[in-house]
Amino acid sequence: MAASAFTFTGSATAEVLAADNYRDHYVLQLISSSNNVPLAFGEAAVAATGLQLMFPGDTVRVEGAKARLACNGIDAGSNAVIGIETKIGITYRVGSFAGPWPTT
């Protein structure tokens, strides 16, 4: 899923995705971690508060004005990896089918 990825290297708040006045949406997916990863938008992340990616595979889609803000997160030292997709047309749903499959 990820067009890019961010790996935490400490337990302080870190910028996962920089602010971008032209971005309309993005998707984040927790790829690996043994800890919860709290997220904050346009401000520093705080442990055990706000939106949290808890298990590998957890996904969040951010749209509109909030997507233009910087996204920050905290990982308590487990070197979590978050996948980042900013392209249009990427939606993650279990069991969905966009078919028909190409025949050529």
C-alpha atoms as a PDB file:
ATOM      1  CA  MET A   1       0.000   0.000   0.000  1.00  0.00           C
ATOM      2  CA  ALA A   2       2.740   2.469   0.878  1.00  0.00           C
ATOM      3  CA  ALA A   3       4.173   4.911  -1.601  1.00  0.00           C
ATOM      4  CA  SER A   4       6.631   5.769   1.158  1.00  0.00           C
ATOM      5  CA  ALA A   5       7.223   4.858   4.776  1.00  0.00           C
ATOM      6  CA  PHE A   6       8.286   6.497   8.020  1.00  0.00           C
ATOM      7  CA  THR A   7      10.284   4.690  10.721  1.00  0.00           C
ATOM      8  CA  PHE A   8      10.335   6.060  14.266  1.00  0.00           C
ATOM      9  CA  THR A   9      13.778   6.180  15.872  1.00  0.00           C
ATOM     10  CA  GLY A  10      12.933   7.328  19.402  1.00  0.00           C
ATOM     11  CA  SER A  11      10.146   7.928  21.864  1.00  0.00           C
ATOM     12  CA  ALA A  12       9.646  11.688  21.303  1.00  0.00           C
ATOM     13  CA  THR A  13       7.010  13.162  19.002  1.00  0.00           C
ATOM     14  CA  ALA A  14       8.147  12.992  15.366  1.00  0.00           C
ATOM     15  CA  GLU A  15       6.856  14.385  12.083  1.00  0.00           C
ATOM     16  CA  VAL A  16       5.443  11.477  10.076  1.00  0.00           C
ATOM     17  CA  LEU A  17       4.276  13.654   7.187  1.00  0.00           C
ATOM     18  CA  ALA A  18       5.127  17.335   6.596  1.00  0.00           C
ATOM     19  CA  ALA A  19       2.432  19.958   6.069  1.00  0.00           C
ATOM     20  CA  ASP A  20       1.416  20.513   2.434  1.00  0.00           C
ATOM     21  CA  ASN A  21      -1.061  23.225   1.392  1.00  0.00           C
ATOM     22  CA  TYR A  22      -1.882  21.321  -1.817  1.00  0.00           C
ATOM     23  CA  ARG A  23      -2.534  17.846  -0.354  1.00  0.00           C
ATOM     24  CA  ASP A  24      -6.192  16.791  -0.256  1.00  0.00           C
ATOM     25  CA  HIS A  25      -5.916  13.393   1.420  1.00  0.00           C
ATOM     26  CA  TYR A  26      -3.616  10.571   2.493  1.00  0.00           C
ATOM     27  CA  VAL A  27      -3.737   7.118   4.023  1.00  0.00           C
ATOM     28  CA  LEU A  28      -1.507   5.889   6.863  1.00  0.00           C
ATOM     29  CA  GLN A  29      -1.068   2.221   7.766  1.00  0.00           C
ATOM     30  CA  LEU A  30       0.809   0.819  10.736  1.00  0.00           C
ATOM     31  CA  ILE A  31       3.173  -1.729   9.213  1.00  0.00           C
ATOM     32  CA  SER A  32       5.024  -2.889  12.316  1.00  0.00           C
ATOM     33  CA  SER A  33       5.127  -1.989  15.996  1.00  0.00           C
ATOM     34  CA  SER A  34       4.820  -3.553  19.407  1.00  0.00           C
ATOM     35  CA  ASN A  35       3.306  -0.325  20.821  1.00  0.00           C
ATOM     36  CA  ASN A  36       0.330   1.931  20.087  1.00  0.00           C
ATOM     37  CA  VAL A  37       1.191   4.929  17.901  1.00  0.00           C
ATOM     38  CA  PRO A  38      -0.811   8.068  18.820  1.00  0.00           C
ATOM     39  CA  LEU A  39      -1.222  10.610  15.996  1.00  0.00           C
ATOM     40  CA  ALA A  40      -1.834  14.373  16.050  1.00  0.00           C
ATOM     41  CA  PHE A  41      -2.524  16.771  13.194  1.00  0.00           C
ATOM     42  CA  GLY A  42      -0.936  20.214  13.182  1.00  0.00           C
ATOM     43  CA  GLU A  43       0.428  19.800  16.709  1.00  0.00           C
ATOM     44  CA  ALA A  44       2.768  17.585  18.719  1.00  0.00           C
ATOM     45  CA  ALA A  45       1.521  14.079  19.456  1.00  0.00           C
ATOM     46  CA  VAL A  46       0.971  13.131  23.094  1.00  0.00           C
ATOM     47  CA  ALA A  47       1.314   9.571  24.386  1.00  0.00           C
ATOM     48  CA  ALA A  48      -1.957   7.697  24.998  1.00  0.00           C
ATOM     49  CA  THR A  49      -4.176  10.471  23.558  1.00  0.00           C
ATOM     50  CA  GLY A  50      -5.992  11.183  20.310  1.00  0.00           C
ATOM     51  CA  LEU A  51      -6.248   8.884  17.328  1.00  0.00           C
ATOM     52  CA  GLN A  52      -4.070   5.785  17.745  1.00  0.00           C
ATOM     53  CA  LEU A  53      -2.861   3.067  15.400  1.00  0.00           C
ATOM     54  CA  MET A  54      -2.813   0.049  17.701  1.00  0.00           C
ATOM     55  CA  PHE A  55      -2.069  -3.068  15.643  1.00  0.00           C
ATOM     56  CA  PRO A  56      -0.126  -3.731  12.428  1.00  0.00           C
ATOM     57  CA  GLY A  57      -2.571  -3.263   9.551  1.00  0.00           C
ATOM     58  CA  ASP A  58      -4.540  -0.479  11.272  1.00  0.00           C
ATOM     59  CA  THR A  59      -5.285   2.208   8.688  1.00  0.00           C
ATOM     60  CA  VAL A  60      -6.524   5.804   8.805  1.00  0.00           C
ATOM     61  CA  ARG A  61      -7.553   8.023   5.878  1.00  0.00           C
ATOM     62  CA  VAL A  62      -7.173  11.777   6.416  1.00  0.00           C
ATOM     63  CA  GLU A  63      -9.034  14.209   4.129  1.00  0.00           C
ATOM     64  CA  GLY A  64      -9.606  17.908   3.542  1.00  0.00           C
ATOM     65  CA  ALA A  65      -8.143  20.668   5.691  1.00  0.00           C
ATOM     66  CA  LYS A  66      -6.759  18.202   8.252  1.00  0.00           C
ATOM     67  CA  ALA A  67      -4.759  16.464   5.477  1.00  0.00           C
ATOM     68  CA  ARG A  68      -2.911  19.717   4.787  1.00  0.00           C
ATOM     69  CA  LEU A  69      -1.529  19.867   8.332  1.00  0.00           C
ATOM     70  CA  ALA A  70       1.625  18.091   9.457  1.00  0.00           C
ATOM     71  CA  CYS A  71       0.965  14.642  10.926  1.00  0.00           C
ATOM     72  CA  ASN A  72       2.975  13.831  14.051  1.00  0.00           C
ATOM     73  CA  GLY A  73       3.195  10.616  16.027  1.00  0.00           C
ATOM     74  CA  ILE A  74       4.882   8.987  18.994  1.00  0.00           C
ATOM     75  CA  ASP A  75       6.290   5.501  19.296  1.00  0.00           C
ATOM     76  CA  ALA A  76       7.573   4.352  22.688  1.00  0.00           C
ATOM     77  CA  GLY A  77      10.866   2.987  21.398  1.00  0.00           C
ATOM     78  CA  SER A  78       9.720   0.015  19.293  1.00  0.00           C
ATOM     79  CA  ASN A  79      10.871   1.531  15.951  1.00  0.00           C
ATOM     80  CA  ALA A  80       7.361   1.470  14.469  1.00  0.00           C
ATOM     81  CA  VAL A  81       7.029   1.704  10.691  1.00  0.00           C
ATOM     82  CA  ILE A  82       4.105   3.585   9.128  1.00  0.00           C
ATOM     83  CA  GLY A  83       3.245   3.287   5.430  1.00  0.00           C
ATOM     84  CA  ILE A  84       2.153   6.499   3.696  1.00  0.00           C
ATOM     85  CA  GLU A  85       0.056   6.777   0.526  1.00  0.00           C
ATOM     86  CA  THR A  86      -0.813  10.207  -0.887  1.00  0.00           C
ATOM     87  CA  LYS A  87      -2.076   9.275  -4.363  1.00  0.00           C
ATOM     88  CA  ILE A  88      -5.714   9.565  -5.415  1.00  0.00           C
ATOM     89  CA  GLY A  89      -7.722   6.374  -5.801  1.00  0.00           C
ATOM     90  CA  ILE A  90      -6.187   4.306  -3.008  1.00  0.00           C
ATOM     91  CA  THR A  91      -8.821   2.870  -0.694  1.00  0.00           C
ATOM     92  CA  TYR A  92      -8.303  -0.054   1.647  1.00  0.00           C
ATOM     93  CA  ARG A  93     -11.294  -2.289   2.278  1.00  0.00           C
ATOM     94  CA  VAL A  94     -11.246  -5.926   3.206  1.00  0.00           C
ATOM     95  CA  GLY A  95     -13.033  -7.982   0.547  1.00  0.00           C
ATOM     96  CA  SER A  96     -13.677  -5.181  -1.953  1.00  0.00           C
ATOM     97  CA  PHE A  97     -13.244  -5.825  -5.681  1.00  0.00           C
ATOM     98  CA  ALA A  98     -12.647  -3.055  -8.197  1.00  0.00           C
ATOM     99  CA  GLY A  99     -12.964  -5.413 -11.263  1.00  0.00           C
ATOM    100  CA  PRO A 100     -13.393  -6.413 -13.914  1.00  0.00           C
ATOM    101  CA  TRP A 101      -9.870  -7.820 -14.202  1.00  0.00           C
ATOM    102  CA  PRO A 102      -7.954  -6.768 -17.336  1.00  0.00           C
ATOM    103  CA  THR A 103      -7.936  -9.414 -20.062  1.00  0.00           C
ATOM    104  CA  THR A 104      -4.925  -8.178 -22.021  1.00  0.00           C
END
